[in-house]
Amino acid sequence: MSTLNEEIEKHIKKLVHPLKDPEELLEVLKVKLTKKELKLLKAWAEDTATEEIQTNLHLDEERYAELSTKLIKKLNQEKIKQAMCI
């Protein structure tokens, strides 16, 4: 099981500074992401199966793919990256 920090680092293309500690990072993510995006990111960090995530978040395959893409794009936005880093 990976941590939230490790999961975020997997999806960010270029990270210049280290991420904040998990508690601070979670506070930033609560502000910057939608509730579903945050739940999806947490599920990824817990290595939850895709089918289980789709069931828990009430998503079909297409919506799951859209949400995943949108989340990864958000994590790579410079403004959000700056907020997540020390």
PDB file of N, CA and C in Angstrom:
ATOM      1  N   MET A   1       0.845  -1.192   0.000  1.00  0.00           N
ATOM      2  CA  MET A   1       0.000   0.000   0.000  1.00  0.00           C
ATOM      3  C   MET A   1       0.887   1.250   0.000  1.00  0.00           C
ATOM      4  N   SER A   2       0.635   2.106  -0.943  1.00  0.00           N
ATOM      5  CA  SER A   2       1.434   3.333  -1.019  1.00  0.00           C
ATOM      6  C   SER A   2       0.753   4.440  -0.219  1.00  0.00           C
ATOM      7  N   THR A   3       1.517   5.458   0.077  1.00  0.00           N
ATOM      8  CA  THR A   3       0.940   6.594   0.787  1.00  0.00           C
ATOM      9  C   THR A   3       0.385   7.581  -0.233  1.00  0.00           C
ATOM     10  N   LEU A   4      -0.340   8.549   0.253  1.00  0.00           N
ATOM     11  CA  LEU A   4      -0.890   9.587  -0.617  1.00  0.00           C
ATOM     12  C   LEU A   4       0.239  10.325  -1.325  1.00  0.00           C
ATOM     13  N   ASN A   5       1.315  10.615  -0.601  1.00  0.00           N
ATOM     14  CA  ASN A   5       2.458  11.312  -1.198  1.00  0.00           C
ATOM     15  C   ASN A   5       3.053  10.501  -2.350  1.00  0.00           C
ATOM     16  N   GLU A   6       3.257   9.203  -2.128  1.00  0.00           N
ATOM     17  CA  GLU A   6       3.833   8.351  -3.170  1.00  0.00           C
ATOM     18  C   GLU A   6       2.921   8.297  -4.384  1.00  0.00           C
ATOM     19  N   GLU A   7       1.614   8.230  -4.145  1.00  0.00           N
ATOM     20  CA  GLU A   7       0.650   8.168  -5.241  1.00  0.00           C
ATOM     21  C   GLU A   7       0.699   9.451  -6.071  1.00  0.00           C
ATOM     22  N   ILE A   8       0.771  10.598  -5.403  1.00  0.00           N
ATOM     23  CA  ILE A   8       0.838  11.878  -6.106  1.00  0.00           C
ATOM     24  C   ILE A   8       2.125  11.950  -6.926  1.00  0.00           C
ATOM     25  N   GLU A   9       3.238  11.529  -6.338  1.00  0.00           N
ATOM     26  CA  GLU A   9       4.519  11.565  -7.044  1.00  0.00           C
ATOM     27  C   GLU A   9       4.501  10.705  -8.301  1.00  0.00           C
ATOM     28  N   LYS A  10       3.705   9.630  -8.296  1.00  0.00           N
ATOM     29  CA  LYS A  10       3.593   8.764  -9.481  1.00  0.00           C
ATOM     30  C   LYS A  10       2.969   9.505 -10.658  1.00  0.00           C
ATOM     31  N   HIS A  11       2.060  10.414 -10.357  1.00  0.00           N
ATOM     32  CA  HIS A  11       1.264  11.067 -11.405  1.00  0.00           C
ATOM     33  C   HIS A  11       1.785  12.438 -11.827  1.00  0.00           C
ATOM     34  N   ILE A  12       2.709  12.993 -11.078  1.00  0.00           N
ATOM     35  CA  ILE A  12       3.243  14.312 -11.429  1.00  0.00           C
ATOM     36  C   ILE A  12       4.458  14.131 -12.328  1.00  0.00           C
ATOM     37  N   LYS A  13       4.441  14.832 -13.454  1.00  0.00           N
ATOM     38  CA  LYS A  13       5.516  14.690 -14.431  1.00  0.00           C
ATOM     39  C   LYS A  13       6.840  15.259 -13.932  1.00  0.00           C
ATOM     40  N   LYS A  14       6.826  16.454 -13.377  1.00  0.00           N
ATOM     41  CA  LYS A  14       8.066  17.087 -12.932  1.00  0.00           C
ATOM     42  C   LYS A  14       7.836  17.745 -11.582  1.00  0.00           C
ATOM     43  N   LEU A  15       8.508  17.222 -10.574  1.00  0.00           N
ATOM     44  CA  LEU A  15       8.357  17.736  -9.223  1.00  0.00           C
ATOM     45  C   LEU A  15       9.697  18.285  -8.774  1.00  0.00           C
ATOM     46  N   VAL A  16       9.778  19.612  -8.572  1.00  0.00           N
ATOM     47  CA  VAL A  16      11.037  20.266  -8.250  1.00  0.00           C
ATOM     48  C   VAL A  16      11.326  20.201  -6.753  1.00  0.00           C
ATOM     49  N   HIS A  17      10.315  20.427  -5.939  1.00  0.00           N
ATOM     50  CA  HIS A  17      10.477  20.441  -4.484  1.00  0.00           C
ATOM     51  C   HIS A  17       9.756  19.246  -3.869  1.00  0.00           C
ATOM     52  N   PRO A  18      10.169  18.838  -2.669  1.00  0.00           N
ATOM     53  CA  PRO A  18       9.459  17.726  -2.003  1.00  0.00           C
ATOM     54  C   PRO A  18       8.044  18.134  -1.596  1.00  0.00           C
ATOM     55  N   LEU A  19       7.167  17.144  -1.511  1.00  0.00           N
ATOM     56  CA  LEU A  19       5.789  17.399  -1.103  1.00  0.00           C
ATOM     57  C   LEU A  19       5.719  17.684   0.396  1.00  0.00           C
ATOM     58  N   LYS A  20       4.665  18.374   0.790  1.00  0.00           N
ATOM     59  CA  LYS A  20       4.443  18.671   2.212  1.00  0.00           C
ATOM     60  C   LYS A  20       4.173  17.363   2.960  1.00  0.00           C
ATOM     61  N   ASP A  21       4.173  17.441   4.290  1.00  0.00           N
ATOM     62  CA  ASP A  21       3.867  16.231   5.050  1.00  0.00           C
ATOM     63  C   ASP A  21       2.401  15.865   4.820  1.00  0.00           C
ATOM     64  N   PRO A  22       2.043  14.592   5.037  1.00  0.00           N
ATOM     65  CA  PRO A  22       0.709  14.104   4.665  1.00  0.00           C
ATOM     66  C   PRO A  22      -0.473  14.917   5.189  1.00  0.00           C
ATOM     67  N   GLU A  23      -0.400  15.402   6.426  1.00  0.00           N
ATOM     68  CA  GLU A  23      -1.530  16.157   6.976  1.00  0.00           C
ATOM     69  C   GLU A  23      -1.727  17.481   6.236  1.00  0.00           C
ATOM     70  N   GLU A  24      -0.624  18.208   6.013  1.00  0.00           N
ATOM     71  CA  GLU A  24      -0.702  19.490   5.288  1.00  0.00           C
ATOM     72  C   GLU A  24      -1.139  19.257   3.849  1.00  0.00           C
ATOM     73  N   LEU A  25      -0.616  18.201   3.248  1.00  0.00           N
ATOM     74  CA  LEU A  25      -0.939  17.871   1.854  1.00  0.00           C
ATOM     75  C   LEU A  25      -2.431  17.596   1.706  1.00  0.00           C
ATOM     76  N   LEU A  26      -2.987  16.865   2.644  1.00  0.00           N
ATOM     77  CA  LEU A  26      -4.413  16.546   2.611  1.00  0.00           C
ATOM     78  C   LEU A  26      -5.261  17.810   2.686  1.00  0.00           C
ATOM     79  N   GLU A  27      -4.854  18.763   3.507  1.00  0.00           N
ATOM     80  CA  GLU A  27      -5.583  20.034   3.619  1.00  0.00           C
ATOM     81  C   GLU A  27      -5.568  20.795   2.290  1.00  0.00           C
ATOM     82  N   VAL A  28      -4.409  20.805   1.621  1.00  0.00           N
ATOM     83  CA  VAL A  28      -4.298  21.475   0.313  1.00  0.00           C
ATOM     84  C   VAL A  28      -5.197  20.777  -0.698  1.00  0.00           C
ATOM     85  N   LEU A  29      -5.167  19.453  -0.704  1.00  0.00           N
ATOM     86  CA  LEU A  29      -5.958  18.693  -1.672  1.00  0.00           C
ATOM     87  C   LEU A  29      -7.456  18.874  -1.449  1.00  0.00           C
ATOM     88  N   LYS A  30      -7.883  19.009  -0.207  1.00  0.00           N
ATOM     89  CA  LYS A  30      -9.305  19.234   0.094  1.00  0.00           C
ATOM     90  C   LYS A  30      -9.794  20.527  -0.530  1.00  0.00           C
ATOM     91  N   VAL A  31      -8.911  21.518  -0.629  1.00  0.00           N
ATOM     92  CA  VAL A  31      -9.276  22.813  -1.211  1.00  0.00           C
ATOM     93  C   VAL A  31      -9.203  22.765  -2.737  1.00  0.00           C
ATOM     94  N   LYS A  32      -8.190  22.097  -3.276  1.00  0.00           N
ATOM     95  CA  LYS A  32      -7.910  22.148  -4.710  1.00  0.00           C
ATOM     96  C   LYS A  32      -8.668  21.116  -5.543  1.00  0.00           C
ATOM     97  N   LEU A  33      -9.094  20.010  -4.929  1.00  0.00           N
ATOM     98  CA  LEU A  33      -9.758  18.935  -5.678  1.00  0.00           C
ATOM     99  C   LEU A  33     -11.227  18.832  -5.286  1.00  0.00           C
ATOM    100  N   THR A  34     -12.020  18.234  -6.180  1.00  0.00           N
ATOM    101  CA  THR A  34     -13.411  17.950  -5.824  1.00  0.00           C
ATOM    102  C   THR A  34     -13.409  16.759  -4.868  1.00  0.00           C
ATOM    103  N   LYS A  35     -14.533  16.522  -4.207  1.00  0.00           N
ATOM    104  CA  LYS A  35     -14.628  15.399  -3.264  1.00  0.00           C
ATOM    105  C   LYS A  35     -14.385  14.073  -3.971  1.00  0.00           C
ATOM    106  N   LYS A  36     -14.953  13.918  -5.174  1.00  0.00           N
ATOM    107  CA  LYS A  36     -14.767  12.657  -5.917  1.00  0.00           C
ATOM    108  C   LYS A  36     -13.314  12.474  -6.332  1.00  0.00           C
ATOM    109  N   GLU A  37     -12.673  13.548  -6.762  1.00  0.00           N
ATOM    110  CA  GLU A  37     -11.262  13.452  -7.153  1.00  0.00           C
ATOM    111  C   GLU A  37     -10.399  13.043  -5.962  1.00  0.00           C
ATOM    112  N   LEU A  38     -10.684  13.614  -4.815  1.00  0.00           N
ATOM    113  CA  LEU A  38      -9.922  13.281  -3.606  1.00  0.00           C
ATOM    114  C   LEU A  38     -10.158  11.822  -3.209  1.00  0.00           C
ATOM    115  N   LYS A  39     -11.410  11.381  -3.281  1.00  0.00           N
ATOM    116  CA  LYS A  39     -11.721   9.986  -2.960  1.00  0.00           C
ATOM    117  C   LYS A  39     -11.012   9.040  -3.932  1.00  0.00           C
ATOM    118  N   LEU A  40     -10.962   9.419  -5.195  1.00  0.00           N
ATOM    119  CA  LEU A  40     -10.284   8.605  -6.202  1.00  0.00           C
ATOM    120  C   LEU A  40      -8.790   8.518  -5.900  1.00  0.00           C
ATOM    121  N   LEU A  41      -8.182   9.626  -5.588  1.00  0.00           N
ATOM    122  CA  LEU A  41      -6.748   9.658  -5.273  1.00  0.00           C
ATOM    123  C   LEU A  41      -6.446   8.799  -4.042  1.00  0.00           C
ATOM    124  N   LYS A  42      -7.294   8.915  -3.013  1.00  0.00           N
ATOM    125  CA  LYS A  42      -7.101   8.103  -1.806  1.00  0.00           C
ATOM    126  C   LYS A  42      -7.252   6.617  -2.127  1.00  0.00           C
ATOM    127  N   ALA A  43      -8.215   6.280  -2.979  1.00  0.00           N
ATOM    128  CA  ALA A  43      -8.426   4.875  -3.360  1.00  0.00           C
ATOM    129  C   ALA A  43      -7.209   4.339  -4.110  1.00  0.00           C
ATOM    130  N   TRP A  44      -6.648   5.156  -4.993  1.00  0.00           N
ATOM    131  CA  TRP A  44      -5.424   4.744  -5.705  1.00  0.00           C
ATOM    132  C   TRP A  44      -4.306   4.483  -4.703  1.00  0.00           C
ATOM    133  N   ALA A  45      -4.176   5.368  -3.721  1.00  0.00           N
ATOM    134  CA  ALA A  45      -3.115   5.233  -2.720  1.00  0.00           C
ATOM    135  C   ALA A  45      -3.289   3.955  -1.894  1.00  0.00           C
ATOM    136  N   GLU A  46      -4.527   3.512  -1.745  1.00  0.00           N
ATOM    137  CA  GLU A  46      -4.803   2.299  -0.977  1.00  0.00           C
ATOM    138  C   GLU A  46      -4.803   1.053  -1.859  1.00  0.00           C
ATOM    139  N   ASP A  47      -4.431   1.204  -3.133  1.00  0.00           N
ATOM    140  CA  ASP A  47      -4.404   0.096  -4.101  1.00  0.00           C
ATOM    141  C   ASP A  47      -5.759  -0.602  -4.235  1.00  0.00           C
ATOM    142  N   THR A  48      -6.819   0.183  -4.200  1.00  0.00           N
ATOM    143  CA  THR A  48      -8.173  -0.357  -4.362  1.00  0.00           C
ATOM    144  C   THR A  48      -8.378  -0.742  -5.823  1.00  0.00           C
ATOM    145  N   ALA A  49      -9.048  -1.857  -6.052  1.00  0.00           N
ATOM    146  CA  ALA A  49      -9.317  -2.324  -7.416  1.00  0.00           C
ATOM    147  C   ALA A  49     -10.206  -1.317  -8.149  1.00  0.00           C
ATOM    148  N   THR A  50      -9.965  -1.179  -9.444  1.00  0.00           N
ATOM    149  CA  THR A  50     -10.717  -0.229 -10.269  1.00  0.00           C
ATOM    150  C   THR A  50     -12.217  -0.462 -10.178  1.00  0.00           C
ATOM    151  N   GLU A  51     -12.627  -1.722 -10.248  1.00  0.00           N
ATOM    152  CA  GLU A  51     -14.060  -2.046 -10.194  1.00  0.00           C
ATOM    153  C   GLU A  51     -14.673  -1.589  -8.870  1.00  0.00           C
ATOM    154  N   GLU A  52     -13.927  -1.783  -7.791  1.00  0.00           N
ATOM    155  CA  GLU A  52     -14.413  -1.378  -6.473  1.00  0.00           C
ATOM    156  C   GLU A  52     -14.527   0.147  -6.389  1.00  0.00           C
ATOM    157  N   ILE A  53     -13.543   0.847  -6.957  1.00  0.00           N
ATOM    158  CA  ILE A  53     -13.579   2.318  -6.968  1.00  0.00           C
ATOM    159  C   ILE A  53     -14.805   2.793  -7.739  1.00  0.00           C
ATOM    160  N   GLN A  54     -15.029   2.187  -8.905  1.00  0.00           N
ATOM    161  CA  GLN A  54     -16.173   2.585  -9.722  1.00  0.00           C
ATOM    162  C   GLN A  54     -17.485   2.362  -8.980  1.00  0.00           C
ATOM    163  N   THR A  55     -17.587   1.267  -8.259  1.00  0.00           N
ATOM    164  CA  THR A  55     -18.802   0.975  -7.488  1.00  0.00           C
ATOM    165  C   THR A  55     -18.966   1.973  -6.355  1.00  0.00           C
ATOM    166  N   ASN A  56     -17.901   2.199  -5.592  1.00  0.00           N
ATOM    167  CA  ASN A  56     -17.970   3.106  -4.442  1.00  0.00           C
ATOM    168  C   ASN A  56     -18.283   4.538  -4.844  1.00  0.00           C
ATOM    169  N   LEU A  57     -17.754   4.982  -5.981  1.00  0.00           N
ATOM    170  CA  LEU A  57     -17.958   6.369  -6.422  1.00  0.00           C
ATOM    171  C   LEU A  57     -19.105   6.507  -7.428  1.00  0.00           C
ATOM    172  N   HIS A  58     -19.796   5.389  -7.695  1.00  0.00           N
ATOM    173  CA  HIS A  58     -20.929   5.382  -8.630  1.00  0.00           C
ATOM    174  C   HIS A  58     -20.528   5.905 -10.011  1.00  0.00           C
ATOM    175  N   LEU A  59     -19.464   5.319 -10.567  1.00  0.00           N
ATOM    176  CA  LEU A  59     -18.960   5.746 -11.874  1.00  0.00           C
ATOM    177  C   LEU A  59     -19.012   4.588 -12.865  1.00  0.00           C
ATOM    178  N   ASP A  60     -19.342   4.902 -14.124  1.00  0.00           N
ATOM    179  CA  ASP A  60     -19.173   3.884 -15.163  1.00  0.00           C
ATOM    180  C   ASP A  60     -17.740   4.011 -15.693  1.00  0.00           C
ATOM    181  N   GLU A  61     -17.361   3.125 -16.607  1.00  0.00           N
ATOM    182  CA  GLU A  61     -15.968   3.123 -17.085  1.00  0.00           C
ATOM    183  C   GLU A  61     -15.577   4.445 -17.729  1.00  0.00           C
ATOM    184  N   GLU A  62     -16.472   5.003 -18.535  1.00  0.00           N
ATOM    185  CA  GLU A  62     -16.170   6.254 -19.236  1.00  0.00           C
ATOM    186  C   GLU A  62     -15.970   7.406 -18.247  1.00  0.00           C
ATOM    187  N   ARG A  63     -16.858   7.511 -17.283  1.00  0.00           N
ATOM    188  CA  ARG A  63     -16.762   8.588 -16.285  1.00  0.00           C
ATOM    189  C   ARG A  63     -15.523   8.404 -15.405  1.00  0.00           C
ATOM    190  N   TYR A  64     -15.194   7.153 -15.090  1.00  0.00           N
ATOM    191  CA  TYR A  64     -13.984   6.863 -14.306  1.00  0.00           C
ATOM    192  C   TYR A  64     -12.746   7.336 -15.067  1.00  0.00           C
ATOM    193  N   ALA A  65     -12.699   7.053 -16.360  1.00  0.00           N
ATOM    194  CA  ALA A  65     -11.563   7.465 -17.189  1.00  0.00           C
ATOM    195  C   ALA A  65     -11.465   8.984 -17.257  1.00  0.00           C
ATOM    196  N   GLU A  66     -12.605   9.654 -17.415  1.00  0.00           N
ATOM    197  CA  GLU A  66     -12.630  11.126 -17.464  1.00  0.00           C
ATOM    198  C   GLU A  66     -12.138  11.724 -16.149  1.00  0.00           C
ATOM    199  N   LEU A  67     -12.629  11.176 -15.033  1.00  0.00           N
ATOM    200  CA  LEU A  67     -12.255  11.675 -13.709  1.00  0.00           C
ATOM    201  C   LEU A  67     -10.759  11.455 -13.462  1.00  0.00           C
ATOM    202  N   SER A  68     -10.257  10.299 -13.851  1.00  0.00           N
ATOM    203  CA  SER A  68      -8.831   9.993 -13.679  1.00  0.00           C
ATOM    204  C   SER A  68      -7.966  10.970 -14.464  1.00  0.00           C
ATOM    205  N   THR A  69      -8.330  11.208 -15.710  1.00  0.00           N
ATOM    206  CA  THR A  69      -7.585  12.130 -16.569  1.00  0.00           C
ATOM    207  C   THR A  69      -7.611  13.541 -15.997  1.00  0.00           C
ATOM    208  N   LYS A  70      -8.786  13.978 -15.575  1.00  0.00           N
ATOM    209  CA  LYS A  70      -8.938  15.322 -15.023  1.00  0.00           C
ATOM    210  C   LYS A  70      -8.095  15.480 -13.750  1.00  0.00           C
ATOM    211  N   LEU A  71      -8.106  14.451 -12.901  1.00  0.00           N
ATOM    212  CA  LEU A  71      -7.342  14.484 -11.656  1.00  0.00           C
ATOM    213  C   LEU A  71      -5.846  14.584 -11.934  1.00  0.00           C
ATOM    214  N   ILE A  72      -5.348  13.793 -12.847  1.00  0.00           N
ATOM    215  CA  ILE A  72      -3.917  13.813 -13.164  1.00  0.00           C
ATOM    216  C   ILE A  72      -3.520  15.161 -13.766  1.00  0.00           C
ATOM    217  N   LYS A  73      -4.375  15.713 -14.618  1.00  0.00           N
ATOM    218  CA  LYS A  73      -4.094  17.037 -15.186  1.00  0.00           C
ATOM    219  C   LYS A  73      -4.040  18.095 -14.087  1.00  0.00           C
ATOM    220  N   LYS A  74      -4.983  18.016 -13.137  1.00  0.00           N
ATOM    221  CA  LYS A  74      -4.992  18.984 -12.035  1.00  0.00           C
ATOM    222  C   LYS A  74      -3.718  18.879 -11.213  1.00  0.00           C
ATOM    223  N   LEU A  75      -3.299  17.654 -10.904  1.00  0.00           N
ATOM    224  CA  LEU A  75      -2.094  17.454 -10.096  1.00  0.00           C
ATOM    225  C   LEU A  75      -0.851  18.028 -10.781  1.00  0.00           C
ATOM    226  N   ASN A  76      -0.897  18.133 -12.106  1.00  0.00           N
ATOM    227  CA  ASN A  76       0.244  18.640 -12.860  1.00  0.00           C
ATOM    228  C   ASN A  76       0.168  20.138 -13.144  1.00  0.00           C
ATOM    229  N   GLN A  77      -0.887  20.802 -12.695  1.00  0.00           N
ATOM    230  CA  GLN A  77      -0.973  22.247 -12.870  1.00  0.00           C
ATOM    231  C   GLN A  77       0.028  22.914 -11.931  1.00  0.00           C
ATOM    232  N   GLU A  78       0.744  23.881 -12.458  1.00  0.00           N
ATOM    233  CA  GLU A  78       1.824  24.530 -11.707  1.00  0.00           C
ATOM    234  C   GLU A  78       1.340  25.126 -10.380  1.00  0.00           C
ATOM    235  N   LYS A  79       0.191  25.775 -10.404  1.00  0.00           N
ATOM    236  CA  LYS A  79      -0.347  26.406  -9.196  1.00  0.00           C
ATOM    237  C   LYS A  79      -0.606  25.372  -8.099  1.00  0.00           C
ATOM    238  N   ILE A  80      -1.178  24.256  -8.484  1.00  0.00           N
ATOM    239  CA  ILE A  80      -1.483  23.206  -7.510  1.00  0.00           C
ATOM    240  C   ILE A  80      -0.206  22.537  -7.027  1.00  0.00           C
ATOM    241  N   LYS A  81       0.735  22.318  -7.931  1.00  0.00           N
ATOM    242  CA  LYS A  81       2.019  21.719  -7.531  1.00  0.00           C
ATOM    243  C   LYS A  81       2.716  22.607  -6.505  1.00  0.00           C
ATOM    244  N   GLN A  82       2.685  23.920  -6.716  1.00  0.00           N
ATOM    245  CA  GLN A  82       3.321  24.849  -5.773  1.00  0.00           C
ATOM    246  C   GLN A  82       2.649  24.770  -4.408  1.00  0.00           C
ATOM    247  N   ALA A  83       1.331  24.624  -4.385  1.00  0.00           N
ATOM    248  CA  ALA A  83       0.602  24.536  -3.119  1.00  0.00           C
ATOM    249  C   ALA A  83       0.912  23.232  -2.380  1.00  0.00           C
ATOM    250  N   MET A  84       1.202  22.170  -3.130  1.00  0.00           N
ATOM    251  CA  MET A  84       1.467  20.865  -2.517  1.00  0.00           C
ATOM    252  C   MET A  84       2.911  20.714  -2.035  1.00  0.00           C
ATOM    253  N   CYS A  85       3.798  21.552  -2.528  1.00  0.00           N
ATOM    254  CA  CYS A  85       5.217  21.414  -2.183  1.00  0.00           C
ATOM    255  C   CYS A  85       5.617  22.322  -1.040  1.00  0.00           C
ATOM    256  N   ILE A  86       6.725  21.972  -0.414  1.00  0.00           N
ATOM    257  CA  ILE A  86       7.274  22.750   0.703  1.00  0.00           C
ATOM    258  C   ILE A  86       7.806  24.081   0.179  1.00  0.00           C
TER     259      ILE A  86
END
